[in-house]
Amino acid sequence: MFDINEIIATLPHRYPFLLVDRILELEIGKRVVGLKNVTINEPFFQGHFPGHPIMPGVLLLEAMAQTGAVLALKSSVDQDVSNKVIYFMSIDKARFRKPVVPGDQVRFELEIVRQRGNVTSLKAEAKVDGVLVSEAEMMAMIVDKEKK
């Protein structure tokens, strides 16, 4: 549906912490599907783990959260979110089913469970080749950016 340039225009994250490469599907107010191509060049593989590279679980959760942030921001009741940022309030029931390794293409599928005002609850799954590798329930809040 949209590429890295629109993701960069939507999220404040930048390399090396931007963990979503593409949004494949987006249904405003309903669901999103994002994609991450995992390569050996990822900076975290230098230390996790040398000789046996595995994508850290917390970064899988972060990638799901970033994908969910795209959905929440695009679904916001505020038309202009350029002065907004999204903070995750909770991540519950996180499960890791299978390691993610270089060469994998991770598909993040998130759906809105509930959206009230500036708070969004999401159900998130990460899959590789159709196999569930991680899942979680997340809650996030859209707030004004703090002025410096």
C-alpha atoms as a PDB file:
ATOM      1  CA  MET A   1       0.000   0.000   0.000  1.00  0.00           C
ATOM      2  CA  PHE A   2       2.798   2.433   0.778  1.00  0.00           C
ATOM      3  CA  ASP A   3       6.559   2.383   0.898  1.00  0.00           C
ATOM      4  CA  ILE A   4       9.311   3.483   3.245  1.00  0.00           C
ATOM      5  CA  ASN A   5       8.962   7.159   2.301  1.00  0.00           C
ATOM      6  CA  GLU A   6       5.396   7.354   3.612  1.00  0.00           C
ATOM      7  CA  ILE A   7       6.362   5.357   6.693  1.00  0.00           C
ATOM      8  CA  ILE A   8       9.118   7.905   7.379  1.00  0.00           C
ATOM      9  CA  ALA A   9       6.589  10.718   6.877  1.00  0.00           C
ATOM     10  CA  THR A  10       4.262   9.057   9.423  1.00  0.00           C
ATOM     11  CA  LEU A  11       6.616   7.790  12.155  1.00  0.00           C
ATOM     12  CA  PRO A  12       9.388   9.662  13.991  1.00  0.00           C
ATOM     13  CA  HIS A  13      11.697   6.589  13.923  1.00  0.00           C
ATOM     14  CA  ARG A  14      14.869   6.574  11.823  1.00  0.00           C
ATOM     15  CA  TYR A  15      17.714   4.173  11.074  1.00  0.00           C
ATOM     16  CA  PRO A  16      18.755   2.057  12.857  1.00  0.00           C
ATOM     17  CA  PHE A  17      15.506   1.961  14.822  1.00  0.00           C
ATOM     18  CA  LEU A  18      12.943   2.109  12.027  1.00  0.00           C
ATOM     19  CA  LEU A  19      11.880  -1.530  11.813  1.00  0.00           C
ATOM     20  CA  VAL A  20       9.105  -1.512   9.181  1.00  0.00           C
ATOM     21  CA  ASP A  21       9.998  -1.572   5.482  1.00  0.00           C
ATOM     22  CA  ARG A  22       6.570  -1.444   3.869  1.00  0.00           C
ATOM     23  CA  ILE A  23       2.865  -1.259   4.616  1.00  0.00           C
ATOM     24  CA  LEU A  24       1.100  -3.840   2.462  1.00  0.00           C
ATOM     25  CA  GLU A  25      -2.490  -3.245   3.596  1.00  0.00           C
ATOM     26  CA  LEU A  26      -4.183  -0.484   5.568  1.00  0.00           C
ATOM     27  CA  GLU A  27      -7.856  -0.331   6.476  1.00  0.00           C
ATOM     28  CA  ILE A  28      -8.347   2.907   8.392  1.00  0.00           C
ATOM     29  CA  GLY A  29      -9.871   2.202  11.796  1.00  0.00           C
ATOM     30  CA  LYS A  30      -9.555  -1.570  11.347  1.00  0.00           C
ATOM     31  CA  ARG A  31      -6.268  -3.240  10.461  1.00  0.00           C
ATOM     32  CA  VAL A  32      -2.786  -2.961   8.998  1.00  0.00           C
ATOM     33  CA  VAL A  33      -0.256  -5.363   7.501  1.00  0.00           C
ATOM     34  CA  GLY A  34       3.409  -4.387   7.533  1.00  0.00           C
ATOM     35  CA  LEU A  35       6.598  -6.026   6.315  1.00  0.00           C
ATOM     36  CA  LYS A  36      10.172  -6.247   7.606  1.00  0.00           C
ATOM     37  CA  ASN A  37      12.949  -7.817   5.543  1.00  0.00           C
ATOM     38  CA  VAL A  38      15.470  -9.192   8.023  1.00  0.00           C
ATOM     39  CA  THR A  39      19.053  -9.116   6.726  1.00  0.00           C
ATOM     40  CA  ILE A  40      22.386 -10.068   8.248  1.00  0.00           C
ATOM     41  CA  ASN A  41      23.334  -6.367   7.936  1.00  0.00           C
ATOM     42  CA  GLU A  42      21.020  -5.417  10.843  1.00  0.00           C
ATOM     43  CA  PRO A  43      23.187  -3.765  13.528  1.00  0.00           C
ATOM     44  CA  PHE A  44      21.749  -5.906  16.349  1.00  0.00           C
ATOM     45  CA  PHE A  45      23.097  -9.132  14.800  1.00  0.00           C
ATOM     46  CA  GLN A  46      26.662  -8.101  15.733  1.00  0.00           C
ATOM     47  CA  GLY A  47      25.871  -8.948  19.341  1.00  0.00           C
ATOM     48  CA  HIS A  48      22.706 -11.118  19.230  1.00  0.00           C
ATOM     49  CA  PHE A  49      24.203 -13.692  18.834  1.00  0.00           C
ATOM     50  CA  PRO A  50      27.555 -13.898  16.977  1.00  0.00           C
ATOM     51  CA  GLY A  51      27.627 -17.143  15.024  1.00  0.00           C
ATOM     52  CA  HIS A  52      23.921 -17.765  15.729  1.00  0.00           C
ATOM     53  CA  PRO A  53      22.047 -14.574  14.706  1.00  0.00           C
ATOM     54  CA  ILE A  54      18.497 -14.236  16.074  1.00  0.00           C
ATOM     55  CA  MET A  55      16.347 -11.084  15.939  1.00  0.00           C
ATOM     56  CA  PRO A  56      15.768  -9.960  19.552  1.00  0.00           C
ATOM     57  CA  GLY A  57      12.201 -10.479  20.750  1.00  0.00           C
ATOM     58  CA  VAL A  58      11.969  -6.930  22.033  1.00  0.00           C
ATOM     59  CA  LEU A  59      12.710  -5.681  18.511  1.00  0.00           C
ATOM     60  CA  LEU A  60       9.952  -7.909  17.102  1.00  0.00           C
ATOM     61  CA  LEU A  61       7.619  -6.226  19.602  1.00  0.00           C
ATOM     62  CA  GLU A  62       8.965  -2.806  18.594  1.00  0.00           C
ATOM     63  CA  ALA A  63       8.403  -3.572  14.908  1.00  0.00           C
ATOM     64  CA  MET A  64       4.825  -4.648  15.680  1.00  0.00           C
ATOM     65  CA  ALA A  65       4.376  -1.467  17.717  1.00  0.00           C
ATOM     66  CA  GLN A  66       5.671   0.691  14.846  1.00  0.00           C
ATOM     67  CA  THR A  67       3.283  -1.014  12.420  1.00  0.00           C
ATOM     68  CA  GLY A  68       0.450  -0.441  14.891  1.00  0.00           C
ATOM     69  CA  ALA A  69       1.496   3.187  15.271  1.00  0.00           C
ATOM     70  CA  VAL A  70       1.005   3.706  11.526  1.00  0.00           C
ATOM     71  CA  LEU A  71      -2.533   2.319  11.842  1.00  0.00           C
ATOM     72  CA  ALA A  72      -3.353   4.359  14.956  1.00  0.00           C
ATOM     73  CA  LEU A  73      -2.009   7.621  13.509  1.00  0.00           C
ATOM     74  CA  LYS A  74      -3.735   7.114  10.157  1.00  0.00           C
ATOM     75  CA  SER A  75      -6.974   6.240  12.028  1.00  0.00           C
ATOM     76  CA  SER A  76      -6.755   9.193  14.430  1.00  0.00           C
ATOM     77  CA  VAL A  77      -9.805  11.412  14.895  1.00  0.00           C
ATOM     78  CA  ASP A  78      -7.412  14.352  14.507  1.00  0.00           C
ATOM     79  CA  GLN A  79      -6.985  15.060  10.805  1.00  0.00           C
ATOM     80  CA  ASP A  80      -3.552  16.641  11.292  1.00  0.00           C
ATOM     81  CA  VAL A  81      -1.184  14.419  13.276  1.00  0.00           C
ATOM     82  CA  SER A  82       2.000  16.196  12.174  1.00  0.00           C
ATOM     83  CA  ASN A  83       2.340  17.677  15.673  1.00  0.00           C
ATOM     84  CA  LYS A  84       1.515  14.347  17.368  1.00  0.00           C
ATOM     85  CA  VAL A  85       3.530  11.374  18.582  1.00  0.00           C
ATOM     86  CA  ILE A  86       2.379   7.961  19.751  1.00  0.00           C
ATOM     87  CA  TYR A  87       3.481   6.361  23.019  1.00  0.00           C
ATOM     88  CA  PHE A  88       2.838   2.726  23.819  1.00  0.00           C
ATOM     89  CA  MET A  89       1.188   2.363  27.205  1.00  0.00           C
ATOM     90  CA  SER A  90       1.232  -1.408  27.555  1.00  0.00           C
ATOM     91  CA  ILE A  91       2.248  -4.622  25.870  1.00  0.00           C
ATOM     92  CA  ASP A  92       0.496  -7.681  27.264  1.00  0.00           C
ATOM     93  CA  LYS A  93       0.413 -11.397  26.543  1.00  0.00           C
ATOM     94  CA  ALA A  94       3.620 -11.227  24.492  1.00  0.00           C
ATOM     95  CA  ARG A  95       4.624 -14.642  23.190  1.00  0.00           C
ATOM     96  CA  PHE A  96       7.553 -15.755  21.086  1.00  0.00           C
ATOM     97  CA  ARG A  97       6.934 -18.955  19.128  1.00  0.00           C
ATOM     98  CA  LYS A  98       9.896 -19.292  16.761  1.00  0.00           C
ATOM     99  CA  PRO A  99      13.198 -17.428  16.232  1.00  0.00           C
ATOM    100  CA  VAL A 100      13.464 -14.862  13.428  1.00  0.00           C
ATOM    101  CA  VAL A 101      16.759 -15.097  11.551  1.00  0.00           C
ATOM    102  CA  PRO A 102      18.515 -13.304   8.682  1.00  0.00           C
ATOM    103  CA  GLY A 103      16.752 -13.961   5.386  1.00  0.00           C
ATOM    104  CA  ASP A 104      13.302 -14.054   6.984  1.00  0.00           C
ATOM    105  CA  GLN A 105      10.556 -11.724   5.821  1.00  0.00           C
ATOM    106  CA  VAL A 106       8.341 -10.870   8.783  1.00  0.00           C
ATOM    107  CA  ARG A 107       4.712  -9.972   8.158  1.00  0.00           C
ATOM    108  CA  PHE A 108       3.086  -7.926  10.929  1.00  0.00           C
ATOM    109  CA  GLU A 109      -0.704  -8.154  11.120  1.00  0.00           C
ATOM    110  CA  LEU A 110      -2.448  -5.840  13.577  1.00  0.00           C
ATOM    111  CA  GLU A 111      -6.080  -5.066  14.158  1.00  0.00           C
ATOM    112  CA  ILE A 112      -7.767  -2.474  16.311  1.00  0.00           C
ATOM    113  CA  VAL A 113      -9.608  -4.055  19.205  1.00  0.00           C
ATOM    114  CA  ARG A 114     -10.852  -0.746  20.594  1.00  0.00           C
ATOM    115  CA  GLN A 115     -10.266   2.923  19.854  1.00  0.00           C
ATOM    116  CA  ARG A 116     -11.522   5.615  22.198  1.00  0.00           C
ATOM    117  CA  GLY A 117     -10.369   9.151  21.653  1.00  0.00           C
ATOM    118  CA  ASN A 118      -6.585   9.142  21.511  1.00  0.00           C
ATOM    119  CA  VAL A 119      -6.147   5.615  22.961  1.00  0.00           C
ATOM    120  CA  THR A 120      -5.961   2.552  20.713  1.00  0.00           C
ATOM    121  CA  SER A 121      -5.887  -1.133  21.729  1.00  0.00           C
ATOM    122  CA  LEU A 122      -4.419  -3.560  19.197  1.00  0.00           C
ATOM    123  CA  LYS A 123      -4.035  -7.296  18.681  1.00  0.00           C
ATOM    124  CA  ALA A 124      -0.696  -8.007  16.963  1.00  0.00           C
ATOM    125  CA  GLU A 125       0.831 -11.025  15.241  1.00  0.00           C
ATOM    126  CA  ALA A 126       4.163 -11.532  13.489  1.00  0.00           C
ATOM    127  CA  LYS A 127       4.473 -14.315  10.920  1.00  0.00           C
ATOM    128  CA  VAL A 128       7.246 -15.757   8.757  1.00  0.00           C
ATOM    129  CA  ASP A 129       6.105 -17.819   5.772  1.00  0.00           C
ATOM    130  CA  GLY A 130       2.611 -17.927   7.284  1.00  0.00           C
ATOM    131  CA  VAL A 131       3.880 -19.356  10.593  1.00  0.00           C
ATOM    132  CA  LEU A 132       3.206 -17.383  13.788  1.00  0.00           C
ATOM    133  CA  VAL A 133       6.520 -16.308  15.351  1.00  0.00           C
ATOM    134  CA  SER A 134       5.276 -13.742  17.883  1.00  0.00           C
ATOM    135  CA  GLU A 135       2.069 -12.182  19.179  1.00  0.00           C
ATOM    136  CA  ALA A 136       0.977  -9.561  21.702  1.00  0.00           C
ATOM    137  CA  GLU A 137      -1.774  -7.203  22.793  1.00  0.00           C
ATOM    138  CA  MET A 138      -0.804  -3.527  22.785  1.00  0.00           C
ATOM    139  CA  MET A 139      -2.246  -0.207  23.898  1.00  0.00           C
ATOM    140  CA  ALA A 140      -1.030   3.189  22.706  1.00  0.00           C
ATOM    141  CA  MET A 141      -1.891   6.856  23.168  1.00  0.00           C
ATOM    142  CA  ILE A 142      -1.510   9.687  20.662  1.00  0.00           C
ATOM    143  CA  VAL A 143      -0.286  12.877  22.345  1.00  0.00           C
ATOM    144  CA  ASP A 144       1.027  16.301  21.354  1.00  0.00           C
ATOM    145  CA  LYS A 145       4.774  16.471  20.707  1.00  0.00           C
ATOM    146  CA  GLU A 146       6.575  18.177  23.527  1.00  0.00           C
ATOM    147  CA  LYS A 147       8.080  21.518  22.639  1.00  0.00           C
ATOM    148  CA  LYS A 148      11.834  21.824  23.168  1.00  0.00           C
END
